[in-house]
Amino acid sequence: MASSKILEQKKAIVDEIIDKLKSSESVIIFQYQGMTVEELSDLRRKLREVESDVKVYKNTLLKRAADELKINLDDFLEGPNAILFGKTLLEPIKIISEFAKSHDKLDIRVGVISGDVADLSVIKEYASIPSREGLLTMLAGGMMQYVKDLAISLNLYAEQMEGKE
Protein backbone atom coordinates (compact mmCIF):
# COMPACT_ATOMS: atom_id res chain seq x y z
CA MET A 1 0.00 0.00 0.00
CA ALA A 2 1.21 3.48 -0.83
CA SER A 3 2.39 5.67 1.98
CA SER A 4 0.42 8.74 2.99
CA LYS A 5 3.27 10.96 1.77
CA ILE A 6 3.02 9.54 -1.77
CA LEU A 7 -0.77 9.86 -1.72
CA GLU A 8 -0.47 13.50 -0.67
CA GLN A 9 1.97 14.16 -3.53
CA LYS A 10 -0.42 12.56 -6.02
CA LYS A 11 -3.34 14.56 -4.62
CA ALA A 12 -1.28 17.76 -5.00
CA ILE A 13 -0.56 16.88 -8.65
CA VAL A 14 -4.25 16.16 -9.31
CA ASP A 15 -5.15 19.53 -7.73
CA GLU A 16 -2.54 21.22 -9.94
CA ILE A 17 -4.04 19.61 -13.05
CA ILE A 18 -7.55 20.67 -11.98
CA ASP A 19 -6.37 24.28 -11.49
CA LYS A 20 -4.69 24.29 -14.90
CA LEU A 21 -7.77 22.80 -16.59
CA LYS A 22 -10.02 25.41 -14.97
CA SER A 23 -7.79 28.38 -15.80
CA SER A 24 -7.05 27.41 -19.43
CA GLU A 25 -9.18 28.49 -22.35
CA SER A 26 -7.72 25.75 -24.54
CA VAL A 27 -6.27 22.38 -23.55
CA ILE A 28 -4.84 20.01 -26.13
CA ILE A 29 -3.79 16.44 -25.40
CA PHE A 30 -1.25 15.13 -27.88
CA GLN A 31 1.17 12.26 -28.33
CA TYR A 32 4.80 13.19 -28.70
CA GLN A 33 6.46 9.78 -28.93
CA GLY A 34 9.30 9.85 -31.44
CA MET A 35 9.93 13.58 -31.21
CA THR A 36 13.40 14.73 -30.30
CA VAL A 37 14.12 16.81 -27.21
CA GLU A 38 15.08 19.68 -29.49
CA GLU A 39 11.74 19.55 -31.33
CA LEU A 40 9.78 19.47 -28.08
CA SER A 41 11.85 22.36 -26.70
CA ASP A 42 11.15 24.34 -29.88
CA LEU A 43 7.40 23.74 -29.45
CA ARG A 44 7.55 24.80 -25.79
CA ARG A 45 9.43 27.98 -26.69
CA LYS A 46 6.84 28.93 -29.33
CA LEU A 47 4.00 28.26 -26.88
CA ARG A 48 5.61 30.28 -24.10
CA GLU A 49 5.40 33.34 -26.38
CA VAL A 50 1.59 33.10 -26.17
CA GLU A 51 1.51 32.31 -22.42
CA SER A 52 0.96 28.58 -22.87
CA ASP A 53 2.87 25.62 -21.57
CA VAL A 54 3.25 21.89 -22.12
CA LYS A 55 3.25 19.42 -19.26
CA VAL A 56 3.54 15.65 -19.06
CA TYR A 57 1.50 13.93 -16.36
CA LYS A 58 0.68 10.31 -15.68
CA ASN A 59 -2.52 9.33 -17.47
CA THR A 60 -4.06 8.04 -14.23
CA LEU A 61 -3.59 11.41 -12.53
CA LEU A 62 -4.98 13.27 -15.54
CA LYS A 63 -7.97 10.93 -15.59
CA ARG A 64 -8.69 11.63 -11.91
CA ALA A 65 -8.54 15.38 -12.49
CA ALA A 66 -10.77 15.14 -15.57
CA ASP A 67 -13.26 12.93 -13.71
CA GLU A 68 -13.50 15.48 -10.90
CA LEU A 69 -14.37 18.16 -13.48
CA LYS A 70 -16.75 15.75 -15.25
CA ILE A 71 -14.72 15.78 -18.47
CA ASN A 72 -14.64 12.43 -20.25
CA LEU A 73 -11.15 11.81 -21.66
CA ASP A 74 -11.06 8.03 -21.11
CA ASP A 75 -10.71 7.14 -24.82
CA PHE A 76 -7.63 9.35 -25.24
CA LEU A 77 -5.52 8.49 -22.21
CA GLU A 78 -3.38 5.69 -23.61
CA GLY A 79 0.33 5.82 -24.20
CA PRO A 80 2.61 8.78 -23.55
CA ASN A 81 0.62 12.00 -23.70
CA ALA A 82 1.56 15.62 -23.22
CA ILE A 83 -0.91 18.35 -22.36
CA LEU A 84 -0.92 21.87 -23.72
CA PHE A 85 -2.50 24.43 -21.41
CA GLY A 86 -3.33 27.69 -23.20
CA LYS A 87 -4.38 30.92 -21.51
CA THR A 88 -5.95 32.13 -24.76
CA LEU A 89 -8.19 30.25 -27.13
CA LEU A 90 -6.82 30.50 -30.66
CA GLU A 91 -3.07 31.13 -30.57
CA PRO A 92 -2.00 27.90 -28.83
CA ILE A 93 -4.26 25.84 -31.11
CA LYS A 94 -2.82 27.53 -34.19
CA ILE A 95 0.78 26.99 -33.02
CA ILE A 96 0.39 23.30 -32.21
CA SER A 97 -1.57 22.64 -35.42
CA GLU A 98 1.13 24.29 -37.54
CA PHE A 99 3.80 22.41 -35.61
CA ALA A 100 1.95 19.10 -36.17
CA LYS A 101 1.91 19.74 -39.95
CA SER A 102 5.70 19.93 -40.08
CA HIS A 103 6.37 17.22 -37.45
CA ASP A 104 4.60 13.96 -38.26
CA LYS A 105 5.50 12.46 -34.87
CA LEU A 106 3.21 14.93 -33.07
CA ASP A 107 -0.31 13.53 -32.99
CA ILE A 108 -3.11 15.73 -31.64
CA ARG A 109 -5.61 13.46 -29.87
CA VAL A 110 -8.31 15.66 -28.31
CA GLY A 111 -8.90 19.11 -26.90
CA VAL A 112 -10.84 20.74 -24.11
CA ILE A 113 -12.02 24.14 -25.26
CA SER A 114 -13.69 26.32 -22.63
CA GLY A 115 -14.51 23.22 -20.58
CA ASP A 116 -16.00 21.14 -23.42
CA VAL A 117 -14.32 18.16 -25.10
CA ALA A 118 -13.43 18.96 -28.72
CA ASP A 119 -12.44 16.33 -31.25
CA LEU A 120 -9.82 16.75 -33.95
CA SER A 121 -12.23 18.27 -36.50
CA VAL A 122 -13.21 21.06 -34.07
CA ILE A 123 -9.55 21.75 -33.30
CA LYS A 124 -8.82 22.01 -37.04
CA GLU A 125 -11.69 24.49 -37.43
CA TYR A 126 -10.29 26.67 -34.66
CA ALA A 127 -6.82 26.44 -36.21
CA SER A 128 -8.17 27.73 -39.53
CA ILE A 129 -9.60 30.92 -38.01
CA PRO A 130 -7.38 33.90 -38.82
CA SER A 131 -5.52 35.55 -35.96
CA ARG A 132 -6.95 38.60 -34.19
CA GLU A 133 -4.68 40.87 -36.24
CA GLY A 134 -5.80 39.12 -39.44
CA LEU A 135 -9.46 39.56 -38.55
CA LEU A 136 -8.92 43.25 -37.74
CA THR A 137 -7.15 43.72 -41.06
CA MET A 138 -10.04 42.07 -42.88
CA LEU A 139 -12.51 44.31 -41.02
CA ALA A 140 -10.52 47.44 -41.82
CA GLY A 141 -10.24 46.41 -45.48
CA GLY A 142 -13.99 45.92 -45.67
CA MET A 143 -14.66 49.27 -44.03
CA MET A 144 -12.22 51.07 -46.34
CA GLN A 145 -14.42 50.23 -49.33
CA TYR A 146 -17.35 52.07 -47.72
CA VAL A 147 -15.16 55.05 -46.86
CA LYS A 148 -13.85 55.12 -50.44
CA ASP A 149 -17.41 54.97 -51.84
CA LEU A 150 -18.51 57.76 -49.51
CA ALA A 151 -15.56 59.94 -50.55
CA ILE A 152 -16.36 59.43 -54.25
CA SER A 153 -20.04 60.22 -53.65
CA LEU A 154 -19.25 63.38 -51.71
CA ASN A 155 -16.80 64.49 -54.39
CA LEU A 156 -19.39 63.96 -57.14
CA TYR A 157 -22.02 65.82 -55.10
CA ALA A 158 -19.60 68.70 -54.52
CA GLU A 159 -18.84 68.91 -58.25
CA GLN A 160 -22.56 68.88 -59.00
CA MET A 161 -23.19 71.70 -56.54
CA GLU A 162 -20.39 73.79 -58.09
CA GLY A 163 -22.06 73.49 -61.51
CA LYS A 164 -25.36 74.93 -60.21
CA GLU A 165 -23.87 78.17 -58.91
C-alpha atoms as a PDB file:
ATOM      1  CA  MET A   1       0.000   0.000   0.000  1.00  0.00           C
ATOM      2  CA  ALA A   2       1.213   3.484  -0.833  1.00  0.00           C
ATOM      3  CA  SER A   3       2.386   5.675   1.980  1.00  0.00           C
ATOM      4  CA  SER A   4       0.421   8.740   2.994  1.00  0.00           C
ATOM      5  CA  LYS A   5       3.273  10.961   1.767  1.00  0.00           C
ATOM      6  CA  ILE A   6       3.020   9.536  -1.771  1.00  0.00           C
ATOM      7  CA  LEU A   7      -0.770   9.857  -1.718  1.00  0.00           C
ATOM      8  CA  GLU A   8      -0.471  13.499  -0.669  1.00  0.00           C
ATOM      9  CA  GLN A   9       1.972  14.158  -3.533  1.00  0.00           C
ATOM     10  CA  LYS A  10      -0.416  12.561  -6.019  1.00  0.00           C
ATOM     11  CA  LYS A  11      -3.336  14.558  -4.617  1.00  0.00           C
ATOM     12  CA  ALA A  12      -1.282  17.760  -5.002  1.00  0.00           C
ATOM     13  CA  ILE A  13      -0.560  16.878  -8.651  1.00  0.00           C
ATOM     14  CA  VAL A  14      -4.250  16.160  -9.308  1.00  0.00           C
ATOM     15  CA  ASP A  15      -5.150  19.526  -7.728  1.00  0.00           C
ATOM     16  CA  GLU A  16      -2.539  21.221  -9.938  1.00  0.00           C
ATOM     17  CA  ILE A  17      -4.043  19.610 -13.046  1.00  0.00           C
ATOM     18  CA  ILE A  18      -7.546  20.671 -11.982  1.00  0.00           C
ATOM     19  CA  ASP A  19      -6.372  24.278 -11.489  1.00  0.00           C
ATOM     20  CA  LYS A  20      -4.693  24.288 -14.899  1.00  0.00           C
ATOM     21  CA  LEU A  21      -7.769  22.803 -16.594  1.00  0.00           C
ATOM     22  CA  LYS A  22     -10.024  25.410 -14.975  1.00  0.00           C
ATOM     23  CA  SER A  23      -7.790  28.379 -15.801  1.00  0.00           C
ATOM     24  CA  SER A  24      -7.052  27.408 -19.425  1.00  0.00           C
ATOM     25  CA  GLU A  25      -9.181  28.492 -22.352  1.00  0.00           C
ATOM     26  CA  SER A  26      -7.717  25.751 -24.539  1.00  0.00           C
ATOM     27  CA  VAL A  27      -6.271  22.385 -23.554  1.00  0.00           C
ATOM     28  CA  ILE A  28      -4.845  20.008 -26.131  1.00  0.00           C
ATOM     29  CA  ILE A  29      -3.787  16.435 -25.404  1.00  0.00           C
ATOM     30  CA  PHE A  30      -1.248  15.128 -27.878  1.00  0.00           C
ATOM     31  CA  GLN A  31       1.173  12.264 -28.325  1.00  0.00           C
ATOM     32  CA  TYR A  32       4.804  13.193 -28.703  1.00  0.00           C
ATOM     33  CA  GLN A  33       6.459   9.780 -28.931  1.00  0.00           C
ATOM     34  CA  GLY A  34       9.299   9.849 -31.441  1.00  0.00           C
ATOM     35  CA  MET A  35       9.928  13.585 -31.208  1.00  0.00           C
ATOM     36  CA  THR A  36      13.404  14.730 -30.299  1.00  0.00           C
ATOM     37  CA  VAL A  37      14.115  16.810 -27.206  1.00  0.00           C
ATOM     38  CA  GLU A  38      15.082  19.680 -29.490  1.00  0.00           C
ATOM     39  CA  GLU A  39      11.735  19.552 -31.335  1.00  0.00           C
ATOM     40  CA  LEU A  40       9.785  19.465 -28.078  1.00  0.00           C
ATOM     41  CA  SER A  41      11.853  22.362 -26.701  1.00  0.00           C
ATOM     42  CA  ASP A  42      11.151  24.336 -29.880  1.00  0.00           C
ATOM     43  CA  LEU A  43       7.401  23.740 -29.449  1.00  0.00           C
ATOM     44  CA  ARG A  44       7.552  24.796 -25.795  1.00  0.00           C
ATOM     45  CA  ARG A  45       9.433  27.984 -26.691  1.00  0.00           C
ATOM     46  CA  LYS A  46       6.835  28.932 -29.326  1.00  0.00           C
ATOM     47  CA  LEU A  47       4.004  28.262 -26.885  1.00  0.00           C
ATOM     48  CA  ARG A  48       5.613  30.285 -24.097  1.00  0.00           C
ATOM     49  CA  GLU A  49       5.400  33.335 -26.378  1.00  0.00           C
ATOM     50  CA  VAL A  50       1.587  33.099 -26.170  1.00  0.00           C
ATOM     51  CA  GLU A  51       1.505  32.313 -22.425  1.00  0.00           C
ATOM     52  CA  SER A  52       0.964  28.576 -22.873  1.00  0.00           C
ATOM     53  CA  ASP A  53       2.869  25.620 -21.574  1.00  0.00           C
ATOM     54  CA  VAL A  54       3.248  21.891 -22.123  1.00  0.00           C
ATOM     55  CA  LYS A  55       3.252  19.420 -19.258  1.00  0.00           C
ATOM     56  CA  VAL A  56       3.543  15.654 -19.060  1.00  0.00           C
ATOM     57  CA  TYR A  57       1.499  13.928 -16.359  1.00  0.00           C
ATOM     58  CA  LYS A  58       0.677  10.306 -15.678  1.00  0.00           C
ATOM     59  CA  ASN A  59      -2.516   9.334 -17.466  1.00  0.00           C
ATOM     60  CA  THR A  60      -4.062   8.041 -14.232  1.00  0.00           C
ATOM     61  CA  LEU A  61      -3.588  11.414 -12.525  1.00  0.00           C
ATOM     62  CA  LEU A  62      -4.976  13.268 -15.543  1.00  0.00           C
ATOM     63  CA  LYS A  63      -7.968  10.926 -15.591  1.00  0.00           C
ATOM     64  CA  ARG A  64      -8.690  11.628 -11.908  1.00  0.00           C
ATOM     65  CA  ALA A  65      -8.538  15.380 -12.489  1.00  0.00           C
ATOM     66  CA  ALA A  66     -10.772  15.136 -15.572  1.00  0.00           C
ATOM     67  CA  ASP A  67     -13.256  12.929 -13.714  1.00  0.00           C
ATOM     68  CA  GLU A  68     -13.500  15.480 -10.901  1.00  0.00           C
ATOM     69  CA  LEU A  69     -14.367  18.157 -13.475  1.00  0.00           C
ATOM     70  CA  LYS A  70     -16.755  15.752 -15.251  1.00  0.00           C
ATOM     71  CA  ILE A  71     -14.720  15.784 -18.474  1.00  0.00           C
ATOM     72  CA  ASN A  72     -14.640  12.426 -20.249  1.00  0.00           C
ATOM     73  CA  LEU A  73     -11.154  11.809 -21.655  1.00  0.00           C
ATOM     74  CA  ASP A  74     -11.055   8.025 -21.112  1.00  0.00           C
ATOM     75  CA  ASP A  75     -10.705   7.143 -24.816  1.00  0.00           C
ATOM     76  CA  PHE A  76      -7.630   9.348 -25.245  1.00  0.00           C
ATOM     77  CA  LEU A  77      -5.516   8.488 -22.213  1.00  0.00           C
ATOM     78  CA  GLU A  78      -3.377   5.691 -23.613  1.00  0.00           C
ATOM     79  CA  GLY A  79       0.331   5.825 -24.195  1.00  0.00           C
ATOM     80  CA  PRO A  80       2.610   8.782 -23.549  1.00  0.00           C
ATOM     81  CA  ASN A  81       0.617  12.003 -23.703  1.00  0.00           C
ATOM     82  CA  ALA A  82       1.561  15.621 -23.222  1.00  0.00           C
ATOM     83  CA  ILE A  83      -0.907  18.348 -22.355  1.00  0.00           C
ATOM     84  CA  LEU A  84      -0.918  21.865 -23.723  1.00  0.00           C
ATOM     85  CA  PHE A  85      -2.504  24.434 -21.408  1.00  0.00           C
ATOM     86  CA  GLY A  86      -3.326  27.686 -23.202  1.00  0.00           C
ATOM     87  CA  LYS A  87      -4.378  30.924 -21.506  1.00  0.00           C
ATOM     88  CA  THR A  88      -5.951  32.125 -24.757  1.00  0.00           C
ATOM     89  CA  LEU A  89      -8.187  30.246 -27.132  1.00  0.00           C
ATOM     90  CA  LEU A  90      -6.816  30.505 -30.659  1.00  0.00           C
ATOM     91  CA  GLU A  91      -3.069  31.134 -30.570  1.00  0.00           C
ATOM     92  CA  PRO A  92      -2.001  27.899 -28.834  1.00  0.00           C
ATOM     93  CA  ILE A  93      -4.257  25.835 -31.107  1.00  0.00           C
ATOM     94  CA  LYS A  94      -2.818  27.532 -34.192  1.00  0.00           C
ATOM     95  CA  ILE A  95       0.775  26.993 -33.020  1.00  0.00           C
ATOM     96  CA  ILE A  96       0.393  23.303 -32.209  1.00  0.00           C
ATOM     97  CA  SER A  97      -1.575  22.644 -35.417  1.00  0.00           C
ATOM     98  CA  GLU A  98       1.131  24.287 -37.543  1.00  0.00           C
ATOM     99  CA  PHE A  99       3.799  22.406 -35.610  1.00  0.00           C
ATOM    100  CA  ALA A 100       1.950  19.104 -36.173  1.00  0.00           C
ATOM    101  CA  LYS A 101       1.910  19.745 -39.948  1.00  0.00           C
ATOM    102  CA  SER A 102       5.704  19.927 -40.076  1.00  0.00           C
ATOM    103  CA  HIS A 103       6.368  17.216 -37.447  1.00  0.00           C
ATOM    104  CA  ASP A 104       4.600  13.963 -38.256  1.00  0.00           C
ATOM    105  CA  LYS A 105       5.505  12.456 -34.870  1.00  0.00           C
ATOM    106  CA  LEU A 106       3.215  14.927 -33.067  1.00  0.00           C
ATOM    107  CA  ASP A 107      -0.312  13.528 -32.987  1.00  0.00           C
ATOM    108  CA  ILE A 108      -3.108  15.727 -31.639  1.00  0.00           C
ATOM    109  CA  ARG A 109      -5.607  13.464 -29.867  1.00  0.00           C
ATOM    110  CA  VAL A 110      -8.305  15.659 -28.310  1.00  0.00           C
ATOM    111  CA  GLY A 111      -8.900  19.111 -26.899  1.00  0.00           C
ATOM    112  CA  VAL A 112     -10.844  20.736 -24.115  1.00  0.00           C
ATOM    113  CA  ILE A 113     -12.020  24.138 -25.265  1.00  0.00           C
ATOM    114  CA  SER A 114     -13.694  26.320 -22.633  1.00  0.00           C
ATOM    115  CA  GLY A 115     -14.511  23.217 -20.578  1.00  0.00           C
ATOM    116  CA  ASP A 116     -16.000  21.141 -23.419  1.00  0.00           C
ATOM    117  CA  VAL A 117     -14.324  18.165 -25.104  1.00  0.00           C
ATOM    118  CA  ALA A 118     -13.434  18.959 -28.723  1.00  0.00           C
ATOM    119  CA  ASP A 119     -12.443  16.328 -31.250  1.00  0.00           C
ATOM    120  CA  LEU A 120      -9.817  16.753 -33.946  1.00  0.00           C
ATOM    121  CA  SER A 121     -12.233  18.273 -36.504  1.00  0.00           C
ATOM    122  CA  VAL A 122     -13.209  21.061 -34.075  1.00  0.00           C
ATOM    123  CA  ILE A 123      -9.551  21.752 -33.302  1.00  0.00           C
ATOM    124  CA  LYS A 124      -8.822  22.008 -37.044  1.00  0.00           C
ATOM    125  CA  GLU A 125     -11.690  24.491 -37.433  1.00  0.00           C
ATOM    126  CA  TYR A 126     -10.290  26.672 -34.660  1.00  0.00           C
ATOM    127  CA  ALA A 127      -6.816  26.442 -36.209  1.00  0.00           C
ATOM    128  CA  SER A 128      -8.167  27.726 -39.530  1.00  0.00           C
ATOM    129  CA  ILE A 129      -9.604  30.923 -38.007  1.00  0.00           C
ATOM    130  CA  PRO A 130      -7.378  33.905 -38.817  1.00  0.00           C
ATOM    131  CA  SER A 131      -5.524  35.549 -35.956  1.00  0.00           C
ATOM    132  CA  ARG A 132      -6.945  38.599 -34.190  1.00  0.00           C
ATOM    133  CA  GLU A 133      -4.681  40.869 -36.235  1.00  0.00           C
ATOM    134  CA  GLY A 134      -5.796  39.123 -39.437  1.00  0.00           C
ATOM    135  CA  LEU A 135      -9.458  39.564 -38.549  1.00  0.00           C
ATOM    136  CA  LEU A 136      -8.923  43.254 -37.738  1.00  0.00           C
ATOM    137  CA  THR A 137      -7.146  43.723 -41.061  1.00  0.00           C
ATOM    138  CA  MET A 138     -10.044  42.070 -42.884  1.00  0.00           C
ATOM    139  CA  LEU A 139     -12.513  44.307 -41.024  1.00  0.00           C
ATOM    140  CA  ALA A 140     -10.521  47.438 -41.816  1.00  0.00           C
ATOM    141  CA  GLY A 141     -10.238  46.412 -45.480  1.00  0.00           C
ATOM    142  CA  GLY A 142     -13.989  45.921 -45.672  1.00  0.00           C
ATOM    143  CA  MET A 143     -14.657  49.269 -44.033  1.00  0.00           C
ATOM    144  CA  MET A 144     -12.220  51.070 -46.337  1.00  0.00           C
ATOM    145  CA  GLN A 145     -14.421  50.231 -49.327  1.00  0.00           C
ATOM    146  CA  TYR A 146     -17.350  52.072 -47.716  1.00  0.00           C
ATOM    147  CA  VAL A 147     -15.165  55.052 -46.858  1.00  0.00           C
ATOM    148  CA  LYS A 148     -13.854  55.124 -50.438  1.00  0.00           C
ATOM    149  CA  ASP A 149     -17.410  54.970 -51.843  1.00  0.00           C
ATOM    150  CA  LEU A 150     -18.507  57.762 -49.508  1.00  0.00           C
ATOM    151  CA  ALA A 151     -15.558  59.942 -50.549  1.00  0.00           C
ATOM    152  CA  ILE A 152     -16.359  59.432 -54.252  1.00  0.00           C
ATOM    153  CA  SER A 153     -20.036  60.223 -53.652  1.00  0.00           C
ATOM    154  CA  LEU A 154     -19.248  63.385 -51.709  1.00  0.00           C
ATOM    155  CA  ASN A 155     -16.798  64.494 -54.390  1.00  0.00           C
ATOM    156  CA  LEU A 156     -19.388  63.963 -57.138  1.00  0.00           C
ATOM    157  CA  TYR A 157     -22.016  65.821 -55.099  1.00  0.00           C
ATOM    158  CA  ALA A 158     -19.596  68.703 -54.516  1.00  0.00           C
ATOM    159  CA  GLU A 159     -18.838  68.907 -58.247  1.00  0.00           C
ATOM    160  CA  GLN A 160     -22.562  68.880 -59.003  1.00  0.00           C
ATOM    161  CA  MET A 161     -23.192  71.699 -56.540  1.00  0.00           C
ATOM    162  CA  GLU A 162     -20.392  73.792 -58.088  1.00  0.00           C
ATOM    163  CA  GLY A 163     -22.061  73.493 -61.508  1.00  0.00           C
ATOM    164  CA  LYS A 164     -25.359  74.930 -60.214  1.00  0.00           C
ATOM    165  CA  GLU A 165     -23.866  78.168 -58.906  1.00  0.00           C
END
